[in-house]
C-alpha atoms as a PDB file:
ATOM      1  CA  MET A   1     -29.243 -46.253 164.966  1.00  0.00           C
ATOM      2  CA  ARG A   2     -26.526 -48.404 162.267  1.00  0.00           C
ATOM      3  CA  PRO A   3     -27.368 -47.589 159.036  1.00  0.00           C
ATOM      4  CA  GLY A   4     -29.992 -50.191 157.267  1.00  0.00           C
ATOM      5  CA  GLN A   5     -32.222 -50.220 160.416  1.00  0.00           C
ATOM      6  CA  LYS A   6     -36.061 -49.420 160.299  1.00  0.00           C
ATOM      7  CA  GLY A   7     -35.111 -45.673 160.371  1.00  0.00           C
ATOM      8  CA  THR A   8     -32.674 -45.367 158.820  1.00  0.00           C
ATOM      9  CA  ARG A   9     -33.123 -46.288 155.921  1.00  0.00           C
ATOM     10  CA  LYS A  10     -33.824 -42.911 153.987  1.00  0.00           C
ATOM     11  CA  LEU A  11     -31.126 -41.472 155.346  1.00  0.00           C
ATOM     12  CA  VAL A  12     -28.663 -44.595 154.014  1.00  0.00           C
ATOM     13  CA  GLU A  13     -30.463 -43.635 150.625  1.00  0.00           C
ATOM     14  CA  ARG A  14     -29.146 -39.941 150.674  1.00  0.00           C
ATOM     15  CA  TYR A  15     -25.915 -39.882 152.682  1.00  0.00           C
ATOM     16  CA  GLY A  16     -24.652 -43.956 151.434  1.00  0.00           C
ATOM     17  CA  GLU A  17     -21.202 -45.489 152.682  1.00  0.00           C
ATOM     18  CA  ARG A  18     -20.271 -42.125 154.415  1.00  0.00           C
ATOM     19  CA  LEU A  19     -23.326 -42.602 157.504  1.00  0.00           C
ATOM     20  CA  VAL A  20     -22.048 -43.769 160.462  1.00  0.00           C
ATOM     21  CA  CYS A  21     -24.962 -43.767 162.804  1.00  0.00           C
ATOM     22  CA  VAL A  22     -28.588 -42.729 163.802  1.00  0.00           C
ATOM     23  CA  ARG A  23     -29.573 -40.856 167.104  1.00  0.00           C
ATOM     24  CA  TYR A  24     -33.430 -40.064 167.885  1.00  0.00           C
ATOM     25  CA  LEU A  25     -33.384 -37.469 170.236  1.00  0.00           C
ATOM     26  CA  TYR A  26     -37.163 -36.857 172.221  1.00  0.00           C
ATOM     27  CA  ASP A  27     -37.718 -33.365 174.125  1.00  0.00           C
ATOM     28  CA  ALA A  28     -40.688 -33.896 176.026  1.00  0.00           C
ATOM     29  CA  LYS A  29     -41.489 -30.365 177.287  1.00  0.00           C
ATOM     30  CA  LEU A  30     -40.988 -28.967 174.044  1.00  0.00           C
ATOM     31  CA  TRP A  31     -42.810 -31.971 172.050  1.00  0.00           C
ATOM     32  CA  ARG A  32     -40.121 -32.713 169.862  1.00  0.00           C
ATOM     33  CA  GLN A  33     -37.562 -35.113 168.302  1.00  0.00           C
ATOM     34  CA  TYR A  34     -35.164 -34.436 167.062  1.00  0.00           C
ATOM     35  CA  LYS A  35     -32.998 -36.782 164.415  1.00  0.00           C
ATOM     36  CA  THR A  36     -29.311 -36.832 164.172  1.00  0.00           C
ATOM     37  CA  VAL A  37     -26.800 -38.562 162.311  1.00  0.00           C
ATOM     38  CA  GLU A  38     -22.974 -39.258 162.398  1.00  0.00           C
ATOM     39  CA  LEU A  39     -21.661 -39.332 158.699  1.00  0.00           C
ATOM     40  CA  ILE A  40     -17.780 -39.942 157.916  1.00  0.00           C
ATOM     41  CA  VAL A  41     -16.464 -36.948 156.185  1.00  0.00           C
ATOM     42  CA  SER A  42     -13.002 -37.768 155.859  1.00  0.00           C
ATOM     43  CA  SER A  43     -10.308 -40.524 155.565  1.00  0.00           C
ATOM     44  CA  THR A  44      -6.987 -41.281 155.904  1.00  0.00           C
ATOM     45  CA  ALA A  45      -3.724 -43.705 156.660  1.00  0.00           C
ATOM     46  CA  TRP A  46      -3.358 -43.615 160.300  1.00  0.00           C
ATOM     47  CA  ARG A  47      -1.041 -45.031 162.824  1.00  0.00           C
ATOM     48  CA  PRO A  48      -0.796 -44.451 166.435  1.00  0.00           C
ATOM     49  CA  ASN A  49       2.287 -44.013 168.184  1.00  0.00           C
ATOM     50  CA  ARG A  50       3.497 -45.802 170.698  1.00  0.00           C
ATOM     51  CA  ARG A  51       2.657 -45.703 173.839  1.00  0.00           C
ATOM     52  CA  ASN A  52       5.192 -46.330 177.108  1.00  0.00           C
ATOM     53  CA  PRO A  53       2.438 -48.151 179.777  1.00  0.00           C
ATOM     54  CA  ARG A  54       2.401 -45.468 182.917  1.00  0.00           C
ATOM     55  CA  ARG A  55       3.921 -47.011 186.346  1.00  0.00           C
ATOM     56  CA  ARG A  56       3.989 -45.871 189.387  1.00  0.00           C
ATOM     57  CA  ASP A  57       7.743 -45.901 190.883  1.00  0.00           C
ATOM     58  CA  ASP A  58       6.598 -48.351 193.426  1.00  0.00           C
ATOM     59  CA  ASP A  59       5.375 -51.305 190.932  1.00  0.00           C
ATOM     60  CA  ILE A  60       7.830 -53.760 190.433  1.00  0.00           C
ATOM     61  CA  VAL A  61       9.118 -54.721 186.989  1.00  0.00           C
ATOM     62  CA  ALA A  62      11.680 -57.315 185.222  1.00  0.00           C
ATOM     63  CA  VAL A  63      14.652 -55.926 183.381  1.00  0.00           C
ATOM     64  CA  ARG A  64      17.878 -57.386 182.189  1.00  0.00           C
ATOM     65  CA  ILE A  65      21.159 -56.984 183.697  1.00  0.00           C
ATOM     66  CA  ALA A  66      23.746 -58.611 181.662  1.00  0.00           C
ATOM     67  CA  PHE A  67      26.301 -60.999 184.501  1.00  0.00           C
ATOM     68  CA  GLU A  68      29.451 -59.559 183.397  1.00  0.00           C
ATOM     69  CA  GLU A  69      27.816 -56.022 184.718  1.00  0.00           C
ATOM     70  CA  THR A  70      28.639 -56.509 188.203  1.00  0.00           C
ATOM     71  CA  GLU A  71      28.922 -52.806 189.505  1.00  0.00           C
ATOM     72  CA  LEU A  72      25.268 -52.228 188.346  1.00  0.00           C
ATOM     73  CA  ARG A  73      23.980 -56.305 188.992  1.00  0.00           C
ATOM     74  CA  GLU A  74      25.520 -55.725 192.456  1.00  0.00           C
ATOM     75  CA  ARG A  75      24.092 -51.652 192.940  1.00  0.00           C
ATOM     76  CA  ALA A  76      20.586 -53.198 192.065  1.00  0.00           C
ATOM     77  CA  GLU A  77      20.506 -56.107 194.765  1.00  0.00           C
ATOM     78  CA  ARG A  78      21.429 -53.354 197.364  1.00  0.00           C
ATOM     79  CA  LEU A  79      18.109 -51.358 196.078  1.00  0.00           C
ATOM     80  CA  GLY A  80      16.543 -54.271 196.713  1.00  0.00           C
ATOM     81  CA  ALA A  81      16.503 -56.185 193.116  1.00  0.00           C
ATOM     82  CA  VAL A  82      15.229 -59.971 193.508  1.00  0.00           C
ATOM     83  CA  TRP A  83      17.039 -62.250 190.612  1.00  0.00           C
ATOM     84  CA  ARG A  84      14.735 -64.448 189.278  1.00  0.00           C
ATOM     85  CA  PRO A  85      17.151 -66.685 187.251  1.00  0.00           C
ATOM     86  CA  ALA A  86      14.438 -69.215 185.200  1.00  0.00           C
ATOM     87  CA  GLN A  87      13.896 -65.789 183.227  1.00  0.00           C
ATOM     88  CA  LYS A  88      16.934 -64.501 183.770  1.00  0.00           C
ATOM     89  CA  LEU A  89      15.737 -60.638 184.996  1.00  0.00           C
ATOM     90  CA  SER A  90      16.190 -59.335 187.692  1.00  0.00           C
ATOM     91  CA  GLU A  91      12.662 -56.986 189.951  1.00  0.00           C
ATOM     92  CA  ILE A  92      13.232 -54.609 191.280  1.00  0.00           C
ATOM     93  CA  ALA A  93      11.100 -50.740 191.829  1.00  0.00           C
ATOM     94  CA  TRP A  94      10.125 -49.038 188.856  1.00  0.00           C
ATOM     95  CA  GLY A  95      11.627 -45.976 190.574  1.00  0.00           C
ATOM     96  CA  ASP A  96      15.053 -47.896 192.105  1.00  0.00           C
ATOM     97  CA  ALA A  97      15.604 -48.747 188.206  1.00  0.00           C
ATOM     98  CA  LYS A  98      15.336 -45.060 186.705  1.00  0.00           C
ATOM     99  CA  ARG A  99      17.919 -43.799 189.527  1.00  0.00           C
ATOM    100  CA  LEU A 100      19.927 -46.666 188.198  1.00  0.00           C
ATOM    101  CA  GLY A 101      19.352 -45.763 184.613  1.00  0.00           C
ATOM    102  CA  VAL A 102      18.440 -48.807 183.284  1.00  0.00           C
ATOM    103  CA  ALA A 103      14.301 -48.061 182.357  1.00  0.00           C
ATOM    104  CA  ASP A 104      15.165 -48.699 179.064  1.00  0.00           C
ATOM    105  CA  ARG A 105      15.616 -52.488 179.870  1.00  0.00           C
ATOM    106  CA  VAL A 106      12.104 -53.082 181.171  1.00  0.00           C
ATOM    107  CA  VAL A 107      10.654 -55.758 180.052  1.00  0.00           C
ATOM    108  CA  SER A 108       7.436 -56.346 178.547  1.00  0.00           C
ATOM    109  CA  ALA A 109       5.029 -59.234 179.806  1.00  0.00           C
END
């Protein structure tokens, strides 16, 4: 139950803004009712780390290979890369992009 709902008012008076939720648990064997509360104990600033998406080696990714990088482009094409002229990107399997050393050039969707 959220703070302020029926059955939580006394706990809101007791814990105030720290109260997150209230739960009622019932034990039919022992004929008992348990009331639990979830409280905020501390609050600090936090910024999550950016995670790279998990990929399998056969996932297709878009990679930016410059026109002047002729040798790299040819190696990618031999591995099955497909040129997409509208986007100016090559599509290649993730495993092949790692082998070519262009994994850091993957363009996110």
